[in-house]
Amino acid sequence: MGDVGEDFRAYRAWLKEKKKSNSEWSLAKLDEYGISYQTRNYTHYIITHNGKTLDYYPSTGLW
């Protein structure tokens, strides 16, 4: 494959590492602040606080 294919593979590898780094940082912050959470598949976390439920995706930081 050409240069574009190599660039795309490198980008995918970087993106995978970035998401892993984001997840580790996000979960460390949840633990640091004492926020309890449940996980179903390590990409989707469920946070319950004051009777409210929040779906959280630590690899992207979105909820």
PDB file of N, CA and C in Angstrom:
ATOM      1  N   MET A   1       0.846  -1.181   0.000  1.00  0.00           N
ATOM      2  CA  MET A   1       0.000   0.000   0.000  1.00  0.00           C
ATOM      3  C   MET A   1       0.886   1.236   0.000  1.00  0.00           C
ATOM      4  N   GLY A   2       0.348   2.349  -0.339  1.00  0.00           N
ATOM      5  CA  GLY A   2       1.119   3.582  -0.458  1.00  0.00           C
ATOM      6  C   GLY A   2       1.261   4.330   0.853  1.00  0.00           C
ATOM      7  N   ASP A   3       1.736   5.536   0.720  1.00  0.00           N
ATOM      8  CA  ASP A   3       1.956   6.389   1.883  1.00  0.00           C
ATOM      9  C   ASP A   3       0.672   6.689   2.637  1.00  0.00           C
ATOM     10  N   VAL A   4      -0.404   6.839   1.924  1.00  0.00           N
ATOM     11  CA  VAL A   4      -1.683   7.151   2.565  1.00  0.00           C
ATOM     12  C   VAL A   4      -2.094   6.008   3.487  1.00  0.00           C
ATOM     13  N   GLY A   5      -1.905   4.780   3.046  1.00  0.00           N
ATOM     14  CA  GLY A   5      -2.239   3.626   3.874  1.00  0.00           C
ATOM     15  C   GLY A   5      -1.401   3.581   5.138  1.00  0.00           C
ATOM     16  N   GLU A   6      -0.123   3.869   5.003  1.00  0.00           N
ATOM     17  CA  GLU A   6       0.764   3.893   6.166  1.00  0.00           C
ATOM     18  C   GLU A   6       0.363   5.010   7.126  1.00  0.00           C
ATOM     19  N   ASP A   7       0.032   6.153   6.580  1.00  0.00           N
ATOM     20  CA  ASP A   7      -0.410   7.273   7.414  1.00  0.00           C
ATOM     21  C   ASP A   7      -1.699   6.927   8.153  1.00  0.00           C
ATOM     22  N   PHE A   8      -2.623   6.280   7.467  1.00  0.00           N
ATOM     23  CA  PHE A   8      -3.889   5.914   8.090  1.00  0.00           C
ATOM     24  C   PHE A   8      -3.664   4.910   9.216  1.00  0.00           C
ATOM     25  N   ARG A   9      -2.796   3.920   8.997  1.00  0.00           N
ATOM     26  CA  ARG A   9      -2.495   2.946  10.051  1.00  0.00           C
ATOM     27  C   ARG A   9      -1.840   3.630  11.251  1.00  0.00           C
ATOM     28  N   ALA A  10      -0.947   4.561  10.987  1.00  0.00           N
ATOM     29  CA  ALA A  10      -0.302   5.299  12.074  1.00  0.00           C
ATOM     30  C   ALA A  10      -1.328   6.134  12.833  1.00  0.00           C
ATOM     31  N   TYR A  11      -2.247   6.755  12.107  1.00  0.00           N
ATOM     32  CA  TYR A  11      -3.297   7.550  12.747  1.00  0.00           C
ATOM     33  C   TYR A  11      -4.184   6.671  13.625  1.00  0.00           C
ATOM     34  N   ARG A  12      -4.568   5.505  13.120  1.00  0.00           N
ATOM     35  CA  ARG A  12      -5.408   4.599  13.912  1.00  0.00           C
ATOM     36  C   ARG A  12      -4.692   4.148  15.172  1.00  0.00           C
ATOM     37  N   ALA A  13      -3.396   3.856  15.077  1.00  0.00           N
ATOM     38  CA  ALA A  13      -2.619   3.460  16.253  1.00  0.00           C
ATOM     39  C   ALA A  13      -2.557   4.610  17.261  1.00  0.00           C
ATOM     40  N   TRP A  14      -2.341   5.833  16.773  1.00  0.00           N
ATOM     41  CA  TRP A  14      -2.299   6.995  17.649  1.00  0.00           C
ATOM     42  C   TRP A  14      -3.646   7.210  18.328  1.00  0.00           C
ATOM     43  N   LEU A  15      -4.732   7.078  17.566  1.00  0.00           N
ATOM     44  CA  LEU A  15      -6.070   7.275  18.110  1.00  0.00           C
ATOM     45  C   LEU A  15      -6.379   6.248  19.194  1.00  0.00           C
ATOM     46  N   LYS A  16      -5.977   5.014  18.975  1.00  0.00           N
ATOM     47  CA  LYS A  16      -6.192   3.958  19.969  1.00  0.00           C
ATOM     48  C   LYS A  16      -5.438   4.279  21.262  1.00  0.00           C
ATOM     49  N   GLU A  17      -4.206   4.720  21.139  1.00  0.00           N
ATOM     50  CA  GLU A  17      -3.409   5.086  22.309  1.00  0.00           C
ATOM     51  C   GLU A  17      -3.998   6.311  23.008  1.00  0.00           C
ATOM     52  N   LYS A  18      -4.482   7.273  22.248  1.00  0.00           N
ATOM     53  CA  LYS A  18      -5.095   8.476  22.818  1.00  0.00           C
ATOM     54  C   LYS A  18      -6.344   8.127  23.618  1.00  0.00           C
ATOM     55  N   LYS A  19      -7.180   7.244  23.085  1.00  0.00           N
ATOM     56  CA  LYS A  19      -8.392   6.837  23.801  1.00  0.00           C
ATOM     57  C   LYS A  19      -8.040   6.096  25.083  1.00  0.00           C
ATOM     58  N   LYS A  20      -7.003   5.267  25.032  1.00  0.00           N
ATOM     59  CA  LYS A  20      -6.562   4.552  26.227  1.00  0.00           C
ATOM     60  C   LYS A  20      -6.085   5.545  27.283  1.00  0.00           C
ATOM     61  N   SER A  21      -5.309   6.533  26.858  1.00  0.00           N
ATOM     62  CA  SER A  21      -4.814   7.562  27.766  1.00  0.00           C
ATOM     63  C   SER A  21      -5.972   8.364  28.363  1.00  0.00           C
ATOM     64  N   ASN A  22      -6.941   8.732  27.539  1.00  0.00           N
ATOM     65  CA  ASN A  22      -8.123   9.462  28.018  1.00  0.00           C
ATOM     66  C   ASN A  22      -8.875   8.649  29.061  1.00  0.00           C
ATOM     67  N   SER A  23      -9.052   7.351  28.813  1.00  0.00           N
ATOM     68  CA  SER A  23      -9.773   6.484  29.746  1.00  0.00           C
ATOM     69  C   SER A  23      -9.065   6.428  31.086  1.00  0.00           C
ATOM     70  N   GLU A  24      -7.753   6.220  31.054  1.00  0.00           N
ATOM     71  CA  GLU A  24      -6.990   6.138  32.299  1.00  0.00           C
ATOM     72  C   GLU A  24      -7.094   7.437  33.080  1.00  0.00           C
ATOM     73  N   TRP A  25      -6.966   8.568  32.397  1.00  0.00           N
ATOM     74  CA  TRP A  25      -7.038   9.860  33.065  1.00  0.00           C
ATOM     75  C   TRP A  25      -8.433  10.094  33.644  1.00  0.00           C
ATOM     76  N   SER A  26      -9.467   9.812  32.855  1.00  0.00           N
ATOM     77  CA  SER A  26     -10.848  10.040  33.293  1.00  0.00           C
ATOM     78  C   SER A  26     -11.189   9.200  34.512  1.00  0.00           C
ATOM     79  N   LEU A  27     -10.814   7.928  34.486  1.00  0.00           N
ATOM     80  CA  LEU A  27     -11.125   7.049  35.608  1.00  0.00           C
ATOM     81  C   LEU A  27     -10.321   7.433  36.846  1.00  0.00           C
ATOM     82  N   ALA A  28      -9.098   7.894  36.664  1.00  0.00           N
ATOM     83  CA  ALA A  28      -8.304   8.366  37.799  1.00  0.00           C
ATOM     84  C   ALA A  28      -8.977   9.576  38.442  1.00  0.00           C
ATOM     85  N   LYS A  29      -9.519  10.475  37.626  1.00  0.00           N
ATOM     86  CA  LYS A  29     -10.215  11.650  38.162  1.00  0.00           C
ATOM     87  C   LYS A  29     -11.488  11.250  38.906  1.00  0.00           C
ATOM     88  N   LEU A  30     -12.242  10.298  38.368  1.00  0.00           N
ATOM     89  CA  LEU A  30     -13.440   9.830  39.071  1.00  0.00           C
ATOM     90  C   LEU A  30     -13.058   9.265  40.435  1.00  0.00           C
ATOM     91  N   ASP A  31     -11.986   8.467  40.474  1.00  0.00           N
ATOM     92  CA  ASP A  31     -11.526   7.901  41.742  1.00  0.00           C
ATOM     93  C   ASP A  31     -11.015   8.995  42.679  1.00  0.00           C
ATOM     94  N   GLU A  32     -10.286   9.949  42.139  1.00  0.00           N
ATOM     95  CA  GLU A  32      -9.729  11.040  42.942  1.00  0.00           C
ATOM     96  C   GLU A  32     -10.832  11.841  43.628  1.00  0.00           C
ATOM     97  N   TYR A  33     -11.920  12.088  42.923  1.00  0.00           N
ATOM     98  CA  TYR A  33     -13.027  12.861  43.478  1.00  0.00           C
ATOM     99  C   TYR A  33     -14.036  12.005  44.242  1.00  0.00           C
ATOM    100  N   GLY A  34     -13.774  10.699  44.330  1.00  0.00           N
ATOM    101  CA  GLY A  34     -14.651   9.818  45.094  1.00  0.00           C
ATOM    102  C   GLY A  34     -15.998   9.579  44.446  1.00  0.00           C
ATOM    103  N   ILE A  35     -16.058   9.658  43.147  1.00  0.00           N
ATOM    104  CA  ILE A  35     -17.306   9.437  42.422  1.00  0.00           C
ATOM    105  C   ILE A  35     -17.417   7.952  42.106  1.00  0.00           C
ATOM    106  N   SER A  36     -18.490   7.340  42.574  1.00  0.00           N
ATOM    107  CA  SER A  36     -18.664   5.908  42.327  1.00  0.00           C
ATOM    108  C   SER A  36     -19.293   5.690  40.958  1.00  0.00           C
ATOM    109  N   TYR A  37     -18.929   4.586  40.341  1.00  0.00           N
ATOM    110  CA  TYR A  37     -19.423   4.280  38.999  1.00  0.00           C
ATOM    111  C   TYR A  37     -19.499   2.778  38.814  1.00  0.00           C
ATOM    112  N   GLN A  38     -20.276   2.377  37.841  1.00  0.00           N
ATOM    113  CA  GLN A  38     -20.397   0.972  37.443  1.00  0.00           C
ATOM    114  C   GLN A  38     -19.976   0.874  35.992  1.00  0.00           C
ATOM    115  N   THR A  39     -19.471  -0.289  35.637  1.00  0.00           N
ATOM    116  CA  THR A  39     -19.088  -0.488  34.248  1.00  0.00           C
ATOM    117  C   THR A  39     -19.723  -1.762  33.719  1.00  0.00           C
ATOM    118  N   ARG A  40     -20.013  -1.753  32.465  1.00  0.00           N
ATOM    119  CA  ARG A  40     -20.574  -2.936  31.817  1.00  0.00           C
ATOM    120  C   ARG A  40     -19.575  -3.550  30.841  1.00  0.00           C
ATOM    121  N   ASN A  41     -18.811  -2.704  30.139  1.00  0.00           N
ATOM    122  CA  ASN A  41     -17.899  -3.240  29.126  1.00  0.00           C
ATOM    123  C   ASN A  41     -16.614  -2.425  28.997  1.00  0.00           C
ATOM    124  N   TYR A  42     -16.268  -1.646  29.998  1.00  0.00           N
ATOM    125  CA  TYR A  42     -15.042  -0.847  30.043  1.00  0.00           C
ATOM    126  C   TYR A  42     -14.978   0.282  29.022  1.00  0.00           C
ATOM    127  N   THR A  43     -16.030   0.512  28.297  1.00  0.00           N
ATOM    128  CA  THR A  43     -16.093   1.692  27.438  1.00  0.00           C
ATOM    129  C   THR A  43     -17.283   2.565  27.809  1.00  0.00           C
ATOM    130  N   HIS A  44     -18.176   2.032  28.610  1.00  0.00           N
ATOM    131  CA  HIS A  44     -19.401   2.727  29.011  1.00  0.00           C
ATOM    132  C   HIS A  44     -19.523   2.605  30.523  1.00  0.00           C
ATOM    133  N   TYR A  45     -19.551   3.723  31.200  1.00  0.00           N
ATOM    134  CA  TYR A  45     -19.661   3.738  32.650  1.00  0.00           C
ATOM    135  C   TYR A  45     -20.970   4.403  33.041  1.00  0.00           C
ATOM    136  N   ILE A  46     -21.529   3.923  34.135  1.00  0.00           N
ATOM    137  CA  ILE A  46     -22.795   4.450  34.633  1.00  0.00           C
ATOM    138  C   ILE A  46     -22.522   5.098  35.982  1.00  0.00           C
ATOM    139  N   ILE A  47     -22.801   6.380  36.059  1.00  0.00           N
ATOM    140  CA  ILE A  47     -22.594   7.140  37.285  1.00  0.00           C
ATOM    141  C   ILE A  47     -23.966   7.500  37.831  1.00  0.00           C
ATOM    142  N   THR A  48     -24.197   7.178  39.107  1.00  0.00           N
ATOM    143  CA  THR A  48     -25.452   7.523  39.766  1.00  0.00           C
ATOM    144  C   THR A  48     -25.131   8.422  40.951  1.00  0.00           C
ATOM    145  N   HIS A  49     -25.796   9.573  41.011  1.00  0.00           N
ATOM    146  CA  HIS A  49     -25.555  10.531  42.087  1.00  0.00           C
ATOM    147  C   HIS A  49     -26.845  11.300  42.352  1.00  0.00           C
ATOM    148  N   ASN A  50     -27.238  11.361  43.597  1.00  0.00           N
ATOM    149  CA  ASN A  50     -28.458  12.072  44.005  1.00  0.00           C
ATOM    150  C   ASN A  50     -29.676  11.637  43.202  1.00  0.00           C
ATOM    151  N   GLY A  51     -29.787  10.350  42.937  1.00  0.00           N
ATOM    152  CA  GLY A  51     -30.941   9.830  42.220  1.00  0.00           C
ATOM    153  C   GLY A  51     -30.923  10.069  40.725  1.00  0.00           C
ATOM    154  N   LYS A  52     -29.863  10.646  40.212  1.00  0.00           N
ATOM    155  CA  LYS A  52     -29.740  10.887  38.771  1.00  0.00           C
ATOM    156  C   LYS A  52     -28.727   9.907  38.187  1.00  0.00           C
ATOM    157  N   THR A  53     -28.953   9.511  36.950  1.00  0.00           N
ATOM    158  CA  THR A  53     -28.065   8.573  36.277  1.00  0.00           C
ATOM    159  C   THR A  53     -27.423   9.248  35.078  1.00  0.00           C
ATOM    160  N   LEU A  54     -26.130   9.014  34.928  1.00  0.00           N
ATOM    161  CA  LEU A  54     -25.359   9.607  33.846  1.00  0.00           C
ATOM    162  C   LEU A  54     -24.590   8.501  33.132  1.00  0.00           C
ATOM    163  N   ASP A  55     -24.694   8.446  31.818  1.00  0.00           N
ATOM    164  CA  ASP A  55     -23.888   7.532  31.016  1.00  0.00           C
ATOM    165  C   ASP A  55     -22.614   8.269  30.643  1.00  0.00           C
ATOM    166  N   TYR A  56     -21.470   7.654  30.919  1.00  0.00           N
ATOM    167  CA  TYR A  56     -20.186   8.317  30.700  1.00  0.00           C
ATOM    168  C   TYR A  56     -19.275   7.422  29.869  1.00  0.00           C
ATOM    169  N   TYR A  57     -18.625   8.025  28.901  1.00  0.00           N
ATOM    170  CA  TYR A  57     -17.708   7.312  28.008  1.00  0.00           C
ATOM    171  C   TYR A  57     -16.308   7.887  28.231  1.00  0.00           C
ATOM    172  N   PRO A  58     -15.493   7.246  29.082  1.00  0.00           N
ATOM    173  CA  PRO A  58     -14.219   7.842  29.476  1.00  0.00           C
ATOM    174  C   PRO A  58     -13.197   7.986  28.356  1.00  0.00           C
ATOM    175  N   SER A  59     -13.293   7.189  27.314  1.00  0.00           N
ATOM    176  CA  SER A  59     -12.299   7.304  26.238  1.00  0.00           C
ATOM    177  C   SER A  59     -12.454   8.606  25.456  1.00  0.00           C
ATOM    178  N   THR A  60     -13.662   9.165  25.468  1.00  0.00           N
ATOM    179  CA  THR A  60     -13.899  10.428  24.772  1.00  0.00           C
ATOM    180  C   THR A  60     -14.209  11.561  25.742  1.00  0.00           C
ATOM    181  N   GLY A  61     -14.563  11.221  26.985  1.00  0.00           N
ATOM    182  CA  GLY A  61     -14.929  12.233  27.964  1.00  0.00           C
ATOM    183  C   GLY A  61     -16.348  12.734  27.794  1.00  0.00           C
ATOM    184  N   LEU A  62     -17.102  12.086  26.952  1.00  0.00           N
ATOM    185  CA  LEU A  62     -18.476  12.523  26.687  1.00  0.00           C
ATOM    186  C   LEU A  62     -19.456  11.818  27.609  1.00  0.00           C
ATOM    187  N   TRP A  63     -20.608  12.459  27.836  1.00  0.00           N
ATOM    188  CA  TRP A  63     -21.670  11.870  28.639  1.00  0.00           C
ATOM    189  C   TRP A  63     -22.982  12.113  27.961  1.00  0.00           C
TER     190      TRP A  63
END
